């Protein structure tokens, strides 16, 4: 798999095809917007039939990233659970799987807009987190330098081999990175949406995720 390396505020970072961010110098893996239990919430509220067992697909990809990089610290940038009931309804097998991933590591849950607050699970629960020259939070602060955030689930459409592809992407400029949603069953906001074009600098790039990463200009 092809990764994308870049520097933010003197920190050398790697955007992974999975949508995770890897900081090798600190042994830190960062993911955003896991949205565990979203399908159950939608079924409760609208009687829809979303993809089954999306929790396990998210956990499987997260486990692969953890086994590949062996991080000392994992930071989840908020909206890790879709709501309190989503955590309570998590199947026992999935709960055990998540507990095993947490064990023996420094695990930081950042407060998100969907999260119910601290839940009965391992790890540390914080509003934001700082490490070296970087700040980690759920929603971007336009005035912050060296910031890693999520929330917006950015996606971008690009043309390739005669057809267009829409994929989750990282948004990167000189001040910040906005991560794509890591959860399997999540929507997305187009990178050219006003809220993102106002947040990001004109020279921003989008790094598409998938089988490999691909950098493209974030066109305004």
N, C-alpha and C. Protein backbone atom coordinates (compact mmCIF):
# COMPACT_ATOMS: atom_id res chain seq x y z
N UNK A 1 0.84 -1.20 0.00
CA UNK A 1 0.00 0.00 0.00
C UNK A 1 0.87 1.25 0.00
N UNK A 2 0.49 2.24 -0.73
CA UNK A 2 1.24 3.48 -0.83
C UNK A 2 0.71 4.48 0.19
N UNK A 3 1.61 4.97 1.04
CA UNK A 3 1.27 5.98 2.03
C UNK A 3 1.63 7.36 1.51
N UNK A 4 1.20 8.40 2.25
CA UNK A 4 1.55 9.77 1.86
C UNK A 4 2.20 10.44 3.06
N UNK A 5 3.48 10.79 2.93
CA UNK A 5 4.24 11.43 3.99
C UNK A 5 4.23 12.94 3.82
N UNK A 6 4.13 13.66 4.93
CA UNK A 6 4.16 15.12 4.89
C UNK A 6 4.58 15.63 6.26
N UNK A 7 4.84 16.92 6.35
CA UNK A 7 5.26 17.55 7.60
C UNK A 7 4.26 18.61 8.02
N UNK A 8 3.90 18.61 9.30
CA UNK A 8 3.02 19.63 9.87
C UNK A 8 3.62 20.13 11.16
N UNK A 9 3.92 21.42 11.20
CA UNK A 9 4.46 22.04 12.41
C UNK A 9 5.68 21.28 12.93
N UNK A 10 6.55 20.87 12.05
CA UNK A 10 7.81 20.14 12.29
C UNK A 10 7.61 18.66 12.59
N UNK A 11 6.39 18.18 12.66
CA UNK A 11 6.13 16.76 12.90
C UNK A 11 6.00 16.04 11.56
N UNK A 12 6.75 14.94 11.41
CA UNK A 12 6.69 14.15 10.19
C UNK A 12 5.57 13.12 10.32
N UNK A 13 4.56 13.23 9.46
CA UNK A 13 3.34 12.44 9.57
C UNK A 13 3.12 11.61 8.30
N UNK A 14 2.28 10.58 8.44
CA UNK A 14 1.97 9.72 7.32
C UNK A 14 0.46 9.50 7.25
N UNK A 15 -0.13 9.84 6.12
CA UNK A 15 -1.54 9.54 5.86
C UNK A 15 -1.61 8.12 5.30
N UNK A 16 -2.35 7.26 5.97
CA UNK A 16 -2.46 5.86 5.56
C UNK A 16 -3.67 5.64 4.66
N UNK A 17 -3.64 4.67 3.77
CA UNK A 17 -4.78 4.40 2.89
C UNK A 17 -6.07 4.08 3.64
N UNK A 18 -5.96 3.60 4.87
CA UNK A 18 -7.14 3.27 5.68
C UNK A 18 -7.90 4.50 6.16
N UNK A 19 -7.24 5.67 6.14
CA UNK A 19 -7.82 6.88 6.72
C UNK A 19 -7.25 7.23 8.07
N UNK A 20 -6.32 6.41 8.57
CA UNK A 20 -5.64 6.70 9.84
C UNK A 20 -4.41 7.57 9.57
N UNK A 21 -3.99 8.28 10.60
CA UNK A 21 -2.79 9.11 10.54
C UNK A 21 -1.73 8.49 11.46
N UNK A 22 -0.51 8.34 10.96
CA UNK A 22 0.57 7.71 11.71
C UNK A 22 1.69 8.70 11.95
N UNK A 23 2.09 8.82 13.23
CA UNK A 23 3.21 9.68 13.63
C UNK A 23 4.28 8.77 14.20
N UNK A 24 5.21 8.35 13.36
CA UNK A 24 6.15 7.30 13.76
C UNK A 24 7.07 7.74 14.89
N UNK A 25 7.50 8.99 14.90
CA UNK A 25 8.42 9.47 15.93
C UNK A 25 7.84 9.32 17.33
N UNK A 26 6.52 9.49 17.44
CA UNK A 26 5.85 9.38 18.73
C UNK A 26 5.16 8.02 18.92
N UNK A 27 5.18 7.18 17.90
CA UNK A 27 4.46 5.92 18.00
C UNK A 27 2.97 6.14 18.20
N UNK A 28 2.42 7.13 17.49
CA UNK A 28 1.03 7.54 17.70
C UNK A 28 0.21 7.29 16.45
N UNK A 29 -0.91 6.59 16.63
CA UNK A 29 -1.87 6.35 15.56
C UNK A 29 -3.14 7.13 15.87
N UNK A 30 -3.64 7.87 14.90
CA UNK A 30 -4.82 8.71 15.11
C UNK A 30 -5.91 8.33 14.11
N UNK A 31 -7.13 8.16 14.61
CA UNK A 31 -8.29 7.90 13.75
C UNK A 31 -9.42 8.83 14.18
N UNK A 32 -10.37 9.02 13.29
CA UNK A 32 -11.47 9.94 13.61
C UNK A 32 -12.80 9.35 13.19
N UNK A 33 -13.84 9.69 13.93
CA UNK A 33 -15.23 9.40 13.55
C UNK A 33 -15.44 7.91 13.25
N UNK A 34 -15.20 7.09 14.27
CA UNK A 34 -15.45 5.65 14.14
C UNK A 34 -16.95 5.36 14.01
N UNK A 35 -17.76 6.12 14.72
CA UNK A 35 -19.22 5.99 14.67
C UNK A 35 -19.69 4.55 14.90
N UNK A 36 -19.13 3.91 15.92
CA UNK A 36 -19.61 2.59 16.29
C UNK A 36 -21.11 2.65 16.58
N UNK A 37 -21.87 1.70 16.03
CA UNK A 37 -23.29 1.59 16.34
C UNK A 37 -24.20 2.48 15.52
N UNK A 38 -23.69 3.09 14.46
CA UNK A 38 -24.55 3.99 13.69
C UNK A 38 -25.71 3.23 13.05
N UNK A 39 -25.46 2.04 12.54
CA UNK A 39 -26.54 1.30 11.88
C UNK A 39 -27.66 0.98 12.86
N UNK A 40 -27.30 0.61 14.10
CA UNK A 40 -28.33 0.33 15.10
C UNK A 40 -29.16 1.57 15.41
N UNK A 41 -28.49 2.73 15.48
CA UNK A 41 -29.24 3.97 15.76
C UNK A 41 -30.23 4.27 14.65
N UNK A 42 -29.80 4.09 13.40
CA UNK A 42 -30.69 4.36 12.28
C UNK A 42 -31.86 3.38 12.25
N UNK A 43 -31.59 2.15 12.59
CA UNK A 43 -32.67 1.17 12.63
C UNK A 43 -33.67 1.50 13.73
N UNK A 44 -33.15 2.00 14.86
CA UNK A 44 -34.05 2.37 15.96
C UNK A 44 -34.94 3.54 15.57
N UNK A 45 -34.38 4.51 14.83
CA UNK A 45 -35.10 5.75 14.57
C UNK A 45 -35.90 5.75 13.28
N UNK A 46 -35.45 4.99 12.28
CA UNK A 46 -36.10 5.09 10.98
C UNK A 46 -36.43 3.75 10.36
N UNK A 47 -36.20 2.67 11.07
CA UNK A 47 -36.48 1.33 10.57
C UNK A 47 -35.82 1.07 9.22
N UNK A 48 -34.63 1.64 9.04
CA UNK A 48 -33.88 1.40 7.81
C UNK A 48 -33.11 0.09 7.92
N UNK A 49 -32.51 -0.32 6.81
CA UNK A 49 -31.71 -1.55 6.82
C UNK A 49 -30.32 -1.23 6.29
N UNK A 50 -29.45 -0.66 7.13
CA UNK A 50 -28.10 -0.32 6.71
C UNK A 50 -27.21 -1.56 6.67
N UNK A 51 -25.99 -1.41 6.19
CA UNK A 51 -25.08 -2.56 6.13
C UNK A 51 -24.91 -3.22 7.50
N UNK A 52 -24.99 -4.55 7.58
CA UNK A 52 -24.88 -5.23 8.86
C UNK A 52 -23.45 -5.28 9.36
N UNK A 53 -23.30 -5.34 10.67
CA UNK A 53 -22.00 -5.59 11.32
C UNK A 53 -20.91 -4.63 10.87
N UNK A 54 -21.27 -3.37 10.70
CA UNK A 54 -20.23 -2.42 10.29
C UNK A 54 -19.22 -2.22 11.40
N UNK A 55 -19.60 -2.45 12.66
CA UNK A 55 -18.65 -2.36 13.77
C UNK A 55 -17.46 -3.27 13.53
N UNK A 56 -17.73 -4.49 13.10
CA UNK A 56 -16.65 -5.47 12.93
C UNK A 56 -15.74 -5.11 11.77
N UNK A 57 -16.27 -4.52 10.74
CA UNK A 57 -15.42 -4.09 9.64
C UNK A 57 -14.50 -2.97 10.09
N UNK A 58 -15.06 -2.02 10.86
CA UNK A 58 -14.23 -0.93 11.40
C UNK A 58 -13.16 -1.48 12.33
N UNK A 59 -13.54 -2.40 13.21
CA UNK A 59 -12.58 -2.99 14.15
C UNK A 59 -11.49 -3.77 13.41
N UNK A 60 -11.86 -4.47 12.36
CA UNK A 60 -10.88 -5.25 11.60
C UNK A 60 -9.84 -4.35 10.96
N UNK A 61 -10.28 -3.23 10.38
CA UNK A 61 -9.32 -2.31 9.76
C UNK A 61 -8.45 -1.65 10.81
N UNK A 62 -9.06 -1.31 11.95
CA UNK A 62 -8.28 -0.71 13.03
C UNK A 62 -7.24 -1.69 13.56
N UNK A 63 -7.63 -2.95 13.70
CA UNK A 63 -6.69 -3.96 14.17
C UNK A 63 -5.53 -4.11 13.19
N UNK A 64 -5.81 -4.08 11.89
CA UNK A 64 -4.73 -4.19 10.90
C UNK A 64 -3.74 -3.05 11.03
N UNK A 65 -4.25 -1.83 11.21
CA UNK A 65 -3.35 -0.69 11.38
C UNK A 65 -2.52 -0.82 12.66
N UNK A 66 -3.15 -1.32 13.71
CA UNK A 66 -2.43 -1.48 14.97
C UNK A 66 -1.36 -2.56 14.85
N UNK A 67 -1.68 -3.69 14.22
CA UNK A 67 -0.70 -4.76 14.06
C UNK A 67 0.45 -4.33 13.15
N UNK A 68 0.14 -3.51 12.16
CA UNK A 68 1.18 -3.06 11.22
C UNK A 68 2.14 -2.08 11.87
N UNK A 69 1.64 -1.16 12.69
CA UNK A 69 2.47 -0.06 13.20
C UNK A 69 2.82 -0.19 14.68
N UNK A 70 2.12 -1.04 15.42
CA UNK A 70 2.37 -1.25 16.84
C UNK A 70 2.48 0.07 17.61
N UNK A 71 1.44 0.90 17.56
CA UNK A 71 1.51 2.22 18.22
C UNK A 71 1.54 2.10 19.73
N UNK A 72 2.23 3.06 20.35
CA UNK A 72 2.21 3.18 21.81
C UNK A 72 0.97 3.95 22.26
N UNK A 73 0.53 4.88 21.41
CA UNK A 73 -0.62 5.75 21.73
C UNK A 73 -1.60 5.74 20.58
N UNK A 74 -2.88 5.66 20.90
CA UNK A 74 -3.93 5.76 19.90
C UNK A 74 -4.86 6.89 20.31
N UNK A 75 -5.10 7.81 19.39
CA UNK A 75 -5.99 8.94 19.64
C UNK A 75 -7.20 8.82 18.72
N UNK A 76 -8.39 8.77 19.31
CA UNK A 76 -9.64 8.75 18.55
C UNK A 76 -10.26 10.13 18.64
N UNK A 77 -10.43 10.79 17.50
CA UNK A 77 -10.77 12.21 17.46
C UNK A 77 -12.27 12.51 17.60
N UNK A 78 -12.99 11.74 18.37
CA UNK A 78 -14.39 12.06 18.63
C UNK A 78 -15.36 11.35 17.72
N UNK A 79 -16.64 11.36 18.14
CA UNK A 79 -17.70 10.62 17.45
C UNK A 79 -17.30 9.16 17.27
N UNK A 80 -16.71 8.61 18.31
CA UNK A 80 -16.31 7.21 18.28
C UNK A 80 -17.53 6.29 18.41
N UNK A 81 -18.52 6.73 19.20
CA UNK A 81 -19.80 6.03 19.33
C UNK A 81 -20.89 6.96 18.85
N UNK A 82 -21.88 6.41 18.17
CA UNK A 82 -22.92 7.25 17.59
C UNK A 82 -23.82 7.87 18.65
N UNK A 83 -24.09 7.14 19.72
CA UNK A 83 -24.81 7.67 20.88
C UNK A 83 -24.60 6.70 22.04
N UNK A 84 -25.15 7.01 23.20
CA UNK A 84 -24.95 6.17 24.37
C UNK A 84 -25.52 4.78 24.15
N UNK A 85 -26.68 4.69 23.53
CA UNK A 85 -27.30 3.39 23.28
C UNK A 85 -26.43 2.56 22.35
N UNK A 86 -25.73 3.21 21.42
CA UNK A 86 -24.87 2.48 20.49
C UNK A 86 -23.79 1.73 21.24
N UNK A 87 -23.25 2.34 22.28
CA UNK A 87 -22.24 1.65 23.09
C UNK A 87 -22.88 0.51 23.87
N UNK A 88 -24.04 0.77 24.45
CA UNK A 88 -24.71 -0.25 25.25
C UNK A 88 -25.15 -1.44 24.41
N UNK A 89 -25.47 -1.20 23.13
CA UNK A 89 -25.94 -2.27 22.25
C UNK A 89 -24.81 -3.00 21.52
N UNK A 90 -23.58 -2.58 21.76
CA UNK A 90 -22.45 -3.22 21.09
C UNK A 90 -22.42 -4.71 21.45
N UNK A 91 -22.31 -5.56 20.45
CA UNK A 91 -22.30 -7.00 20.70
C UNK A 91 -21.10 -7.37 21.56
N UNK A 92 -21.30 -8.38 22.38
CA UNK A 92 -20.26 -8.77 23.34
C UNK A 92 -18.94 -9.09 22.64
N UNK A 93 -19.02 -9.76 21.50
CA UNK A 93 -17.81 -10.09 20.76
C UNK A 93 -17.07 -8.83 20.33
N UNK A 94 -17.81 -7.82 19.85
CA UNK A 94 -17.19 -6.58 19.42
C UNK A 94 -16.61 -5.81 20.60
N UNK A 95 -17.33 -5.84 21.73
CA UNK A 95 -16.84 -5.16 22.92
C UNK A 95 -15.52 -5.79 23.39
N UNK A 96 -15.46 -7.12 23.39
CA UNK A 96 -14.22 -7.80 23.79
C UNK A 96 -13.09 -7.47 22.83
N UNK A 97 -13.42 -7.42 21.53
CA UNK A 97 -12.42 -7.10 20.51
C UNK A 97 -11.83 -5.72 20.76
N UNK A 98 -12.70 -4.74 20.99
CA UNK A 98 -12.24 -3.38 21.26
C UNK A 98 -11.41 -3.32 22.54
N UNK A 99 -11.86 -4.03 23.58
CA UNK A 99 -11.13 -4.05 24.85
C UNK A 99 -9.73 -4.62 24.66
N UNK A 100 -9.59 -5.65 23.83
CA UNK A 100 -8.27 -6.23 23.56
C UNK A 100 -7.37 -5.25 22.81
N UNK A 101 -7.94 -4.48 21.89
CA UNK A 101 -7.14 -3.49 21.17
C UNK A 101 -6.64 -2.40 22.11
N UNK A 102 -7.46 -2.03 23.09
CA UNK A 102 -7.09 -0.97 24.03
C UNK A 102 -6.00 -1.43 24.99
N UNK A 103 -6.04 -2.69 25.37
CA UNK A 103 -5.17 -3.21 26.43
C UNK A 103 -3.69 -2.98 26.12
N UNK A 104 -2.97 -2.45 27.12
CA UNK A 104 -1.53 -2.26 27.01
C UNK A 104 -1.09 -1.04 26.24
N UNK A 105 -2.03 -0.19 25.87
CA UNK A 105 -1.68 1.01 25.12
C UNK A 105 -2.26 2.25 25.80
N UNK A 106 -1.67 3.39 25.50
CA UNK A 106 -2.25 4.66 25.91
C UNK A 106 -3.33 5.01 24.88
N UNK A 107 -4.58 4.99 25.32
CA UNK A 107 -5.72 5.18 24.41
C UNK A 107 -6.48 6.44 24.82
N UNK A 108 -6.59 7.39 23.91
CA UNK A 108 -7.22 8.67 24.21
C UNK A 108 -8.51 8.81 23.40
N UNK A 109 -9.63 8.97 24.11
CA UNK A 109 -10.91 9.25 23.47
C UNK A 109 -11.16 10.75 23.53
N UNK A 110 -11.19 11.43 22.39
CA UNK A 110 -11.50 12.85 22.35
C UNK A 110 -13.02 13.02 22.26
N UNK A 111 -13.53 13.97 23.01
CA UNK A 111 -14.97 14.24 23.01
C UNK A 111 -15.43 14.72 21.64
N UNK A 112 -16.53 14.16 21.16
CA UNK A 112 -17.08 14.54 19.86
C UNK A 112 -18.47 15.11 19.97
N UNK A 113 -19.09 15.37 18.84
CA UNK A 113 -20.44 15.94 18.85
C UNK A 113 -21.51 14.87 19.02
N UNK A 114 -21.20 13.60 18.74
CA UNK A 114 -22.15 12.51 18.94
C UNK A 114 -21.92 11.78 20.25
N UNK A 115 -20.69 11.88 20.79
CA UNK A 115 -20.34 11.08 21.96
C UNK A 115 -21.17 11.45 23.18
N UNK A 116 -21.54 10.46 24.00
CA UNK A 116 -22.31 10.74 25.20
C UNK A 116 -21.45 11.20 26.36
N UNK A 117 -20.14 11.34 26.15
CA UNK A 117 -19.25 11.64 27.25
C UNK A 117 -18.53 10.37 27.64
N UNK A 118 -17.75 10.38 28.72
CA UNK A 118 -17.00 9.19 29.13
C UNK A 118 -17.92 7.98 29.28
N UNK A 119 -17.47 6.86 28.76
CA UNK A 119 -18.24 5.63 28.84
C UNK A 119 -17.45 4.60 29.62
N UNK A 120 -18.11 3.53 29.99
CA UNK A 120 -17.50 2.50 30.82
C UNK A 120 -16.60 1.61 29.97
N UNK A 121 -15.47 2.16 29.58
CA UNK A 121 -14.52 1.45 28.74
C UNK A 121 -13.15 2.03 29.03
N UNK A 122 -12.11 1.28 28.72
CA UNK A 122 -10.76 1.74 29.02
C UNK A 122 -10.36 2.97 28.26
N UNK A 123 -9.24 3.54 28.65
CA UNK A 123 -8.72 4.73 27.98
C UNK A 123 -8.98 5.99 28.77
N UNK A 124 -8.47 7.09 28.25
CA UNK A 124 -8.59 8.40 28.86
C UNK A 124 -9.53 9.25 28.01
N UNK A 125 -10.44 9.98 28.66
CA UNK A 125 -11.43 10.79 27.94
C UNK A 125 -11.09 12.28 28.13
N UNK A 126 -10.84 12.97 27.01
CA UNK A 126 -10.41 14.36 27.05
C UNK A 126 -11.18 15.20 26.04
N UNK A 127 -11.27 16.50 26.30
CA UNK A 127 -11.87 17.42 25.33
C UNK A 127 -10.92 17.65 24.16
N UNK A 128 -9.62 17.68 24.43
CA UNK A 128 -8.60 17.81 23.41
C UNK A 128 -7.30 17.24 23.97
N UNK A 129 -6.34 17.06 23.10
CA UNK A 129 -5.10 16.39 23.51
C UNK A 129 -3.94 17.06 22.79
N UNK A 130 -2.83 17.26 23.48
CA UNK A 130 -1.65 17.84 22.86
C UNK A 130 -0.47 16.88 23.01
N UNK A 131 0.37 16.84 22.00
CA UNK A 131 1.59 16.04 22.02
C UNK A 131 2.63 16.76 21.18
N UNK A 132 3.75 17.13 21.78
CA UNK A 132 4.78 17.85 21.05
C UNK A 132 4.20 19.09 20.40
N UNK A 133 4.42 19.28 19.08
CA UNK A 133 3.95 20.49 18.40
C UNK A 133 2.52 20.39 17.88
N UNK A 134 1.80 19.32 18.21
CA UNK A 134 0.49 19.10 17.62
C UNK A 134 -0.63 19.11 18.65
N UNK A 135 -1.80 19.56 18.19
CA UNK A 135 -3.04 19.53 18.97
C UNK A 135 -4.04 18.61 18.27
N UNK A 136 -4.74 17.84 19.08
CA UNK A 136 -5.75 16.92 18.56
C UNK A 136 -7.10 17.28 19.16
N UNK A 137 -8.09 17.52 18.29
CA UNK A 137 -9.44 17.83 18.75
C UNK A 137 -10.45 17.36 17.72
N UNK A 138 -11.74 17.37 18.09
CA UNK A 138 -12.75 16.87 17.17
C UNK A 138 -13.05 17.86 16.05
N UNK A 139 -13.38 19.09 16.41
CA UNK A 139 -13.74 20.11 15.42
C UNK A 139 -12.61 21.13 15.33
N UNK A 140 -12.23 21.49 14.12
CA UNK A 140 -11.10 22.40 13.91
C UNK A 140 -11.34 23.77 14.53
N UNK A 141 -10.27 24.33 15.07
CA UNK A 141 -10.24 25.72 15.52
C UNK A 141 -9.48 26.51 14.47
N UNK A 142 -10.14 27.43 13.75
CA UNK A 142 -9.48 28.14 12.65
C UNK A 142 -8.20 28.87 13.06
N UNK A 143 -8.07 29.21 14.34
CA UNK A 143 -6.90 29.96 14.80
C UNK A 143 -5.76 29.07 15.28
N UNK A 144 -5.95 27.77 15.28
CA UNK A 144 -4.94 26.86 15.82
C UNK A 144 -3.91 26.49 14.77
N UNK A 145 -2.65 26.45 15.18
CA UNK A 145 -1.55 26.00 14.32
C UNK A 145 -1.14 24.60 14.75
N UNK A 146 -0.87 23.73 13.79
CA UNK A 146 -0.45 22.37 14.12
C UNK A 146 -1.58 21.54 14.67
N UNK A 147 -2.70 21.53 13.99
CA UNK A 147 -3.92 20.90 14.51
C UNK A 147 -4.31 19.68 13.68
N UNK A 148 -4.74 18.63 14.39
CA UNK A 148 -5.30 17.43 13.80
C UNK A 148 -6.75 17.35 14.25
N UNK A 149 -7.70 17.27 13.31
CA UNK A 149 -9.12 17.23 13.69
C UNK A 149 -9.88 16.32 12.74
N UNK A 150 -11.17 16.16 13.01
CA UNK A 150 -12.03 15.30 12.20
C UNK A 150 -13.36 15.99 11.94
N UNK A 151 -14.46 15.31 12.31
CA UNK A 151 -15.82 15.86 12.33
C UNK A 151 -16.50 15.96 10.97
N UNK A 152 -15.81 16.47 9.95
CA UNK A 152 -16.46 16.81 8.69
C UNK A 152 -16.58 15.64 7.71
N UNK A 153 -15.85 14.56 7.95
CA UNK A 153 -15.88 13.41 7.03
C UNK A 153 -15.59 13.85 5.59
N UNK A 154 -14.49 14.55 5.31
CA UNK A 154 -14.28 15.09 3.97
C UNK A 154 -14.17 14.01 2.90
N UNK A 155 -14.75 14.33 1.73
CA UNK A 155 -14.65 13.48 0.54
C UNK A 155 -14.36 14.38 -0.65
N UNK A 156 -13.78 13.77 -1.68
CA UNK A 156 -13.49 14.54 -2.88
C UNK A 156 -13.72 13.66 -4.11
N UNK A 157 -14.17 14.28 -5.19
CA UNK A 157 -14.38 13.55 -6.45
C UNK A 157 -13.29 13.96 -7.44
N UNK A 158 -12.62 12.96 -7.99
CA UNK A 158 -11.57 13.21 -8.98
C UNK A 158 -11.81 12.33 -10.19
N UNK A 159 -11.28 12.76 -11.32
CA UNK A 159 -11.41 11.98 -12.54
C UNK A 159 -10.18 11.10 -12.71
N UNK A 160 -10.43 9.86 -13.08
CA UNK A 160 -9.33 8.92 -13.31
C UNK A 160 -9.73 7.92 -14.38
N UNK A 161 -8.88 7.77 -15.38
CA UNK A 161 -9.09 6.80 -16.45
C UNK A 161 -10.49 6.91 -17.08
N UNK A 162 -10.90 8.14 -17.31
CA UNK A 162 -12.15 8.37 -18.02
C UNK A 162 -13.40 8.36 -17.18
N UNK A 163 -13.29 8.13 -15.89
CA UNK A 163 -14.48 8.21 -15.04
C UNK A 163 -14.10 8.88 -13.72
N UNK A 164 -15.11 9.30 -12.98
CA UNK A 164 -14.86 10.00 -11.73
C UNK A 164 -15.03 9.07 -10.55
N UNK A 165 -14.25 9.35 -9.50
CA UNK A 165 -14.27 8.56 -8.27
C UNK A 165 -14.44 9.51 -7.10
N UNK A 166 -15.34 9.16 -6.19
CA UNK A 166 -15.52 9.94 -4.96
C UNK A 166 -15.01 9.11 -3.79
N UNK A 167 -14.08 9.64 -3.05
CA UNK A 167 -13.47 8.88 -1.96
C UNK A 167 -13.24 9.76 -0.75
N UNK A 168 -13.27 9.17 0.46
CA UNK A 168 -12.88 9.91 1.66
C UNK A 168 -11.45 10.40 1.50
N UNK A 169 -11.15 11.53 2.11
CA UNK A 169 -9.82 12.10 1.95
C UNK A 169 -9.37 12.86 3.18
N UNK A 170 -8.06 12.96 3.33
CA UNK A 170 -7.44 13.90 4.25
C UNK A 170 -7.41 15.27 3.57
N UNK A 171 -7.60 16.33 4.34
CA UNK A 171 -7.36 17.68 3.85
C UNK A 171 -6.17 18.23 4.62
N UNK A 172 -5.19 18.75 3.88
CA UNK A 172 -3.92 19.14 4.49
C UNK A 172 -3.51 20.52 3.99
N UNK A 173 -3.16 21.41 4.92
CA UNK A 173 -2.51 22.66 4.55
C UNK A 173 -1.37 22.92 5.53
N UNK A 174 -0.85 24.13 5.58
CA UNK A 174 0.32 24.42 6.41
C UNK A 174 0.00 24.48 7.90
N UNK A 175 -1.29 24.58 8.26
CA UNK A 175 -1.67 24.72 9.66
C UNK A 175 -2.35 23.50 10.25
N UNK A 176 -2.99 22.68 9.41
CA UNK A 176 -3.86 21.65 9.97
C UNK A 176 -4.02 20.46 9.04
N UNK A 177 -4.57 19.41 9.63
CA UNK A 177 -5.03 18.25 8.88
C UNK A 177 -6.45 17.94 9.34
N UNK A 178 -7.34 17.71 8.41
CA UNK A 178 -8.68 17.21 8.73
C UNK A 178 -8.75 15.77 8.24
N UNK A 179 -9.01 14.85 9.17
CA UNK A 179 -9.03 13.43 8.83
C UNK A 179 -10.36 13.00 8.24
N UNK A 180 -10.34 11.99 7.37
CA UNK A 180 -11.60 11.40 6.91
C UNK A 180 -12.22 10.57 8.02
N UNK A 181 -13.49 10.25 7.88
CA UNK A 181 -14.13 9.34 8.83
C UNK A 181 -13.54 7.95 8.66
N UNK A 182 -13.20 7.31 9.77
CA UNK A 182 -12.61 5.98 9.73
C UNK A 182 -13.69 4.90 9.76
N UNK A 183 -14.85 5.22 10.34
CA UNK A 183 -15.92 4.24 10.46
C UNK A 183 -16.42 3.78 9.10
N UNK A 184 -16.86 2.53 9.06
CA UNK A 184 -17.30 1.94 7.79
C UNK A 184 -18.56 2.58 7.26
N UNK A 185 -19.53 2.82 8.13
CA UNK A 185 -20.84 3.29 7.67
C UNK A 185 -21.00 4.77 8.03
N UNK A 186 -20.38 5.63 7.22
CA UNK A 186 -20.43 7.08 7.48
C UNK A 186 -20.64 7.80 6.15
N UNK A 187 -21.26 8.95 6.22
CA UNK A 187 -21.41 9.79 5.05
C UNK A 187 -20.19 10.67 4.88
N UNK A 188 -20.34 11.76 4.14
CA UNK A 188 -19.21 12.64 3.95
C UNK A 188 -19.61 14.00 3.44
N UNK A 189 -18.73 14.97 3.62
CA UNK A 189 -18.94 16.34 3.16
C UNK A 189 -17.94 16.63 2.05
N UNK A 190 -18.43 17.13 0.94
CA UNK A 190 -17.55 17.43 -0.19
C UNK A 190 -16.48 18.44 0.22
N UNK A 191 -15.28 18.21 -0.26
CA UNK A 191 -14.16 19.08 0.09
C UNK A 191 -14.35 20.51 -0.39
N UNK A 192 -15.19 20.71 -1.42
CA UNK A 192 -15.43 22.06 -1.91
C UNK A 192 -16.63 22.72 -1.25
N UNK A 193 -17.15 22.12 -0.16
CA UNK A 193 -18.23 22.75 0.60
C UNK A 193 -17.70 24.01 1.28
N UNK A 194 -18.55 25.06 1.39
CA UNK A 194 -18.08 26.34 1.94
C UNK A 194 -17.40 26.22 3.31
N UNK A 195 -17.92 25.38 4.19
CA UNK A 195 -17.34 25.28 5.53
C UNK A 195 -15.90 24.79 5.46
N UNK A 196 -15.56 23.97 4.47
CA UNK A 196 -14.20 23.47 4.34
C UNK A 196 -13.32 24.40 3.53
N UNK A 197 -13.86 25.04 2.51
CA UNK A 197 -13.04 25.98 1.74
C UNK A 197 -12.70 27.22 2.57
N UNK A 198 -13.56 27.57 3.51
CA UNK A 198 -13.26 28.70 4.40
C UNK A 198 -12.23 28.31 5.46
N UNK A 199 -12.22 27.03 5.85
CA UNK A 199 -11.30 26.57 6.89
C UNK A 199 -9.90 26.37 6.34
N UNK A 200 -9.78 25.78 5.15
CA UNK A 200 -8.49 25.39 4.62
C UNK A 200 -7.87 26.50 3.78
N UNK A 201 -6.54 26.51 3.71
CA UNK A 201 -5.81 27.50 2.92
C UNK A 201 -5.95 27.20 1.43
N UNK A 202 -5.77 28.22 0.57
CA UNK A 202 -5.92 28.02 -0.88
C UNK A 202 -4.98 26.97 -1.47
N UNK A 203 -3.83 26.74 -0.82
CA UNK A 203 -2.87 25.76 -1.35
C UNK A 203 -3.08 24.37 -0.75
N UNK A 204 -4.23 24.11 -0.17
CA UNK A 204 -4.50 22.82 0.46
C UNK A 204 -4.47 21.69 -0.55
N UNK A 205 -4.15 20.50 -0.04
CA UNK A 205 -4.24 19.31 -0.87
C UNK A 205 -5.21 18.33 -0.23
N UNK A 206 -5.76 17.47 -1.06
CA UNK A 206 -6.61 16.38 -0.61
C UNK A 206 -5.85 15.08 -0.88
N UNK A 207 -5.81 14.20 0.11
CA UNK A 207 -5.16 12.90 -0.06
C UNK A 207 -6.24 11.83 0.02
N UNK A 208 -6.54 11.23 -1.11
CA UNK A 208 -7.60 10.23 -1.19
C UNK A 208 -7.17 8.94 -0.51
N UNK A 209 -8.12 8.25 0.11
CA UNK A 209 -7.86 6.97 0.75
C UNK A 209 -8.44 5.84 -0.11
N UNK A 210 -8.11 4.62 0.26
CA UNK A 210 -8.58 3.46 -0.49
C UNK A 210 -7.51 2.39 -0.49
N UNK A 211 -7.27 1.75 -1.64
CA UNK A 211 -6.22 0.75 -1.72
C UNK A 211 -4.84 1.38 -1.55
N UNK A 212 -4.71 2.64 -1.95
CA UNK A 212 -3.49 3.41 -1.73
C UNK A 212 -3.90 4.87 -1.65
N UNK A 213 -2.99 5.71 -1.18
CA UNK A 213 -3.29 7.13 -1.11
C UNK A 213 -2.97 7.79 -2.44
N UNK A 214 -3.66 8.89 -2.69
CA UNK A 214 -3.42 9.66 -3.90
C UNK A 214 -3.64 11.11 -3.59
N UNK A 215 -2.63 11.96 -3.84
CA UNK A 215 -2.73 13.38 -3.56
C UNK A 215 -3.31 14.13 -4.75
N UNK A 216 -4.18 15.08 -4.45
CA UNK A 216 -4.78 15.91 -5.50
C UNK A 216 -4.95 17.31 -4.95
N UNK A 217 -4.99 18.30 -5.84
CA UNK A 217 -5.23 19.67 -5.41
C UNK A 217 -6.65 19.79 -4.88
N UNK A 218 -6.80 20.55 -3.80
CA UNK A 218 -8.14 20.86 -3.30
C UNK A 218 -8.58 22.12 -4.03
N UNK A 219 -9.36 21.95 -5.09
CA UNK A 219 -9.72 23.05 -5.98
C UNK A 219 -10.86 23.85 -5.40
N UNK A 220 -10.70 25.17 -5.37
CA UNK A 220 -11.75 26.04 -4.85
C UNK A 220 -12.47 26.73 -6.00
